Amino acid sequence: MFADSRLDPGDVVEVQVPPYCEHGDQDPEERGRADWRERIASWMYWDARDKHQRERPYEERDDSWQRIGVGGMPGELT
């Protein structure tokens, strides 16, 4: 159904990905709130983490996947 919809470039907006946040750092009132932006950002960070750690030995793993890169995406995502 979504694939059948037409995309008008005028409807597209640029959004800045929020910085990485552990759930322990989050305000308790905001935890568990339904927020599609937070969910998408979470997916992006997990993908960035997976890409970063996929072919690196344990000793070379760090938290660089949490940082926003040049293209505005976490880690090495493009």
N, C-alpha and C. Protein backbone atom coordinates (compact mmCIF):
# COMPACT_ATOMS: atom_id res chain seq x y z
N MET A 1 0.82 -1.18 0.00
CA MET A 1 0.00 0.00 0.00
C MET A 1 0.88 1.27 0.00
N PHE A 2 1.87 1.32 0.87
CA PHE A 2 2.76 2.47 0.93
C PHE A 2 3.56 2.59 -0.36
N ALA A 3 3.95 1.46 -0.94
CA ALA A 3 4.75 1.48 -2.17
C ALA A 3 3.96 2.06 -3.35
N ASP A 4 2.66 2.02 -3.27
CA ASP A 4 1.82 2.55 -4.35
C ASP A 4 1.65 4.06 -4.27
N SER A 5 2.00 4.66 -3.15
CA SER A 5 1.80 6.10 -3.02
C SER A 5 2.86 6.86 -3.80
N ARG A 6 2.47 8.02 -4.29
CA ARG A 6 3.37 8.86 -5.09
C ARG A 6 4.12 9.80 -4.17
N LEU A 7 5.37 10.04 -4.47
CA LEU A 7 6.21 10.92 -3.68
C LEU A 7 6.38 12.24 -4.40
N ASP A 8 5.94 13.29 -3.75
CA ASP A 8 6.12 14.63 -4.28
C ASP A 8 7.33 15.23 -3.57
N PRO A 9 8.41 15.56 -4.29
CA PRO A 9 9.61 16.10 -3.65
C PRO A 9 9.32 17.34 -2.78
N GLY A 10 8.25 18.04 -3.06
CA GLY A 10 7.88 19.19 -2.23
C GLY A 10 7.39 18.80 -0.85
N ASP A 11 7.02 17.53 -0.68
CA ASP A 11 6.53 17.04 0.61
C ASP A 11 7.65 16.51 1.50
N VAL A 12 8.85 16.41 0.96
CA VAL A 12 9.96 15.85 1.71
C VAL A 12 10.63 16.95 2.52
N VAL A 13 10.94 16.64 3.78
CA VAL A 13 11.63 17.60 4.63
C VAL A 13 12.90 16.96 5.17
N GLU A 14 13.89 17.79 5.45
CA GLU A 14 15.13 17.31 6.04
C GLU A 14 14.98 17.37 7.56
N VAL A 15 15.33 16.28 8.22
CA VAL A 15 15.22 16.21 9.67
C VAL A 15 16.58 15.88 10.25
N GLN A 16 16.90 16.49 11.36
CA GLN A 16 18.18 16.20 12.01
C GLN A 16 17.98 15.06 12.99
N VAL A 17 18.83 14.03 12.88
CA VAL A 17 18.75 12.90 13.78
C VAL A 17 19.20 13.36 15.17
N PRO A 18 18.43 13.04 16.21
CA PRO A 18 18.83 13.46 17.55
C PRO A 18 20.09 12.72 18.00
N PRO A 19 20.84 13.28 18.94
CA PRO A 19 22.03 12.57 19.43
C PRO A 19 21.64 11.27 20.11
N TYR A 20 22.57 10.32 20.13
CA TYR A 20 22.32 9.03 20.75
C TYR A 20 22.01 9.22 22.23
N CYS A 21 21.06 8.48 22.74
CA CYS A 21 20.65 8.61 24.13
C CYS A 21 20.35 7.23 24.69
N GLU A 22 20.97 6.88 25.80
CA GLU A 22 20.63 5.65 26.52
C GLU A 22 19.28 5.87 27.18
N HIS A 23 18.48 4.83 27.33
CA HIS A 23 17.17 5.00 27.96
C HIS A 23 17.30 5.46 29.41
N GLY A 24 18.41 5.15 30.07
CA GLY A 24 18.61 5.61 31.44
C GLY A 24 18.78 7.11 31.53
N ASP A 25 19.21 7.75 30.42
CA ASP A 25 19.40 9.20 30.39
C ASP A 25 18.11 9.94 30.06
N GLN A 26 17.08 9.20 29.73
CA GLN A 26 15.84 9.80 29.26
C GLN A 26 14.94 10.18 30.43
N ASP A 27 14.19 11.24 30.27
CA ASP A 27 13.22 11.66 31.28
C ASP A 27 12.20 10.54 31.47
N PRO A 28 11.96 10.11 32.72
CA PRO A 28 11.01 9.00 32.95
C PRO A 28 9.62 9.25 32.37
N GLU A 29 9.19 10.51 32.30
CA GLU A 29 7.87 10.80 31.73
C GLU A 29 7.84 10.57 30.23
N GLU A 30 8.99 10.68 29.56
CA GLU A 30 9.03 10.51 28.11
C GLU A 30 9.25 9.05 27.72
N ARG A 31 9.77 8.24 28.64
CA ARG A 31 10.04 6.84 28.34
C ARG A 31 8.73 6.11 28.02
N GLY A 32 8.71 5.33 26.98
CA GLY A 32 7.54 4.56 26.61
C GLY A 32 6.51 5.35 25.80
N ARG A 33 6.76 6.62 25.56
CA ARG A 33 5.84 7.44 24.77
C ARG A 33 5.93 7.02 23.31
N ALA A 34 4.82 6.93 22.66
CA ALA A 34 4.80 6.57 21.24
C ALA A 34 5.33 7.74 20.42
N ASP A 35 6.46 7.56 19.78
CA ASP A 35 7.07 8.63 19.00
C ASP A 35 7.76 8.00 17.80
N TRP A 36 7.19 8.19 16.61
CA TRP A 36 7.76 7.55 15.42
C TRP A 36 9.14 8.07 15.10
N ARG A 37 9.43 9.34 15.40
CA ARG A 37 10.77 9.87 15.12
C ARG A 37 11.82 9.17 15.98
N GLU A 38 11.49 8.98 17.24
CA GLU A 38 12.41 8.28 18.15
C GLU A 38 12.63 6.84 17.69
N ARG A 39 11.58 6.19 17.23
CA ARG A 39 11.69 4.81 16.76
C ARG A 39 12.60 4.72 15.54
N ILE A 40 12.44 5.63 14.58
CA ILE A 40 13.28 5.63 13.38
C ILE A 40 14.72 5.92 13.74
N ALA A 41 14.95 6.90 14.62
CA ALA A 41 16.31 7.21 15.07
C ALA A 41 16.93 5.99 15.74
N SER A 42 16.16 5.27 16.54
CA SER A 42 16.66 4.07 17.21
C SER A 42 17.09 3.03 16.18
N TRP A 43 16.27 2.80 15.16
CA TRP A 43 16.62 1.85 14.10
C TRP A 43 17.92 2.26 13.41
N MET A 44 18.06 3.56 13.17
CA MET A 44 19.25 4.04 12.48
C MET A 44 20.50 3.81 13.34
N TYR A 45 20.40 4.09 14.64
CA TYR A 45 21.55 3.88 15.52
C TYR A 45 21.91 2.40 15.62
N TRP A 46 20.91 1.53 15.69
CA TRP A 46 21.22 0.10 15.76
C TRP A 46 21.85 -0.39 14.45
N ASP A 47 21.39 0.13 13.32
CA ASP A 47 22.01 -0.23 12.04
C ASP A 47 23.44 0.29 11.97
N ALA A 48 23.66 1.50 12.46
CA ALA A 48 25.01 2.06 12.48
C ALA A 48 25.93 1.22 13.38
N ARG A 49 25.40 0.78 14.51
CA ARG A 49 26.19 -0.07 15.43
C ARG A 49 26.52 -1.40 14.77
N ASP A 50 25.52 -2.00 14.12
CA ASP A 50 25.74 -3.28 13.44
C ASP A 50 26.79 -3.14 12.35
N LYS A 51 26.69 -2.10 11.54
CA LYS A 51 27.65 -1.87 10.46
C LYS A 51 29.06 -1.65 11.02
N HIS A 52 29.15 -0.90 12.12
CA HIS A 52 30.44 -0.59 12.73
C HIS A 52 31.11 -1.85 13.28
N GLN A 53 30.33 -2.72 13.91
CA GLN A 53 30.91 -3.87 14.60
C GLN A 53 31.00 -5.12 13.73
N ARG A 54 30.36 -5.12 12.58
CA ARG A 54 30.24 -6.33 11.76
C ARG A 54 31.58 -7.00 11.47
N GLU A 55 32.55 -6.25 10.99
CA GLU A 55 33.81 -6.87 10.59
C GLU A 55 34.99 -6.42 11.44
N ARG A 56 34.73 -5.83 12.59
CA ARG A 56 35.81 -5.39 13.47
C ARG A 56 36.00 -6.39 14.60
N PRO A 57 37.25 -6.68 14.95
CA PRO A 57 37.46 -7.50 16.14
C PRO A 57 37.03 -6.71 17.38
N TYR A 58 36.75 -7.40 18.44
CA TYR A 58 36.24 -6.78 19.67
C TYR A 58 37.13 -5.63 20.14
N GLU A 59 38.43 -5.80 20.04
CA GLU A 59 39.38 -4.79 20.54
C GLU A 59 39.28 -3.47 19.79
N GLU A 60 38.79 -3.48 18.55
CA GLU A 60 38.71 -2.27 17.74
C GLU A 60 37.34 -1.60 17.79
N ARG A 61 36.42 -2.14 18.56
CA ARG A 61 35.08 -1.56 18.65
C ARG A 61 35.09 -0.38 19.60
N ASP A 62 34.38 0.68 19.22
CA ASP A 62 34.26 1.86 20.06
C ASP A 62 32.86 2.45 19.89
N ASP A 63 32.65 3.65 20.40
CA ASP A 63 31.32 4.25 20.31
C ASP A 63 31.17 5.25 19.17
N SER A 64 32.05 5.17 18.17
CA SER A 64 31.96 6.13 17.05
C SER A 64 30.66 5.96 16.26
N TRP A 65 30.01 4.81 16.35
CA TRP A 65 28.74 4.60 15.66
C TRP A 65 27.63 5.49 16.23
N GLN A 66 27.85 6.05 17.42
CA GLN A 66 26.84 6.92 18.03
C GLN A 66 26.91 8.34 17.52
N ARG A 67 28.04 8.73 16.95
CA ARG A 67 28.22 10.11 16.50
C ARG A 67 27.55 10.34 15.15
N ILE A 68 27.04 11.54 14.96
CA ILE A 68 26.42 11.92 13.68
C ILE A 68 27.54 12.24 12.70
N GLY A 69 27.52 11.58 11.54
CA GLY A 69 28.56 11.76 10.54
C GLY A 69 28.30 12.96 9.64
N VAL A 70 29.13 13.08 8.63
CA VAL A 70 29.09 14.22 7.70
C VAL A 70 27.71 14.32 7.02
N GLY A 71 27.14 13.22 6.63
CA GLY A 71 25.85 13.25 5.94
C GLY A 71 24.65 13.39 6.85
N GLY A 72 24.87 13.62 8.15
CA GLY A 72 23.76 13.77 9.08
C GLY A 72 23.20 12.47 9.60
N MET A 73 23.90 11.36 9.31
CA MET A 73 23.44 10.04 9.74
C MET A 73 24.40 9.51 10.82
N PRO A 74 23.93 8.61 11.67
CA PRO A 74 24.80 8.05 12.69
C PRO A 74 25.91 7.19 12.09
N GLY A 75 27.08 7.24 12.73
CA GLY A 75 28.20 6.38 12.35
C GLY A 75 28.57 6.51 10.89
N GLU A 76 28.67 5.35 10.23
CA GLU A 76 29.09 5.30 8.82
C GLU A 76 27.92 5.14 7.86
N LEU A 77 26.70 5.35 8.34
CA LEU A 77 25.54 5.22 7.45
C LEU A 77 25.54 6.36 6.43
N THR A 78 24.98 6.07 5.25
CA THR A 78 24.87 7.10 4.21
C THR A 78 23.42 7.20 3.76
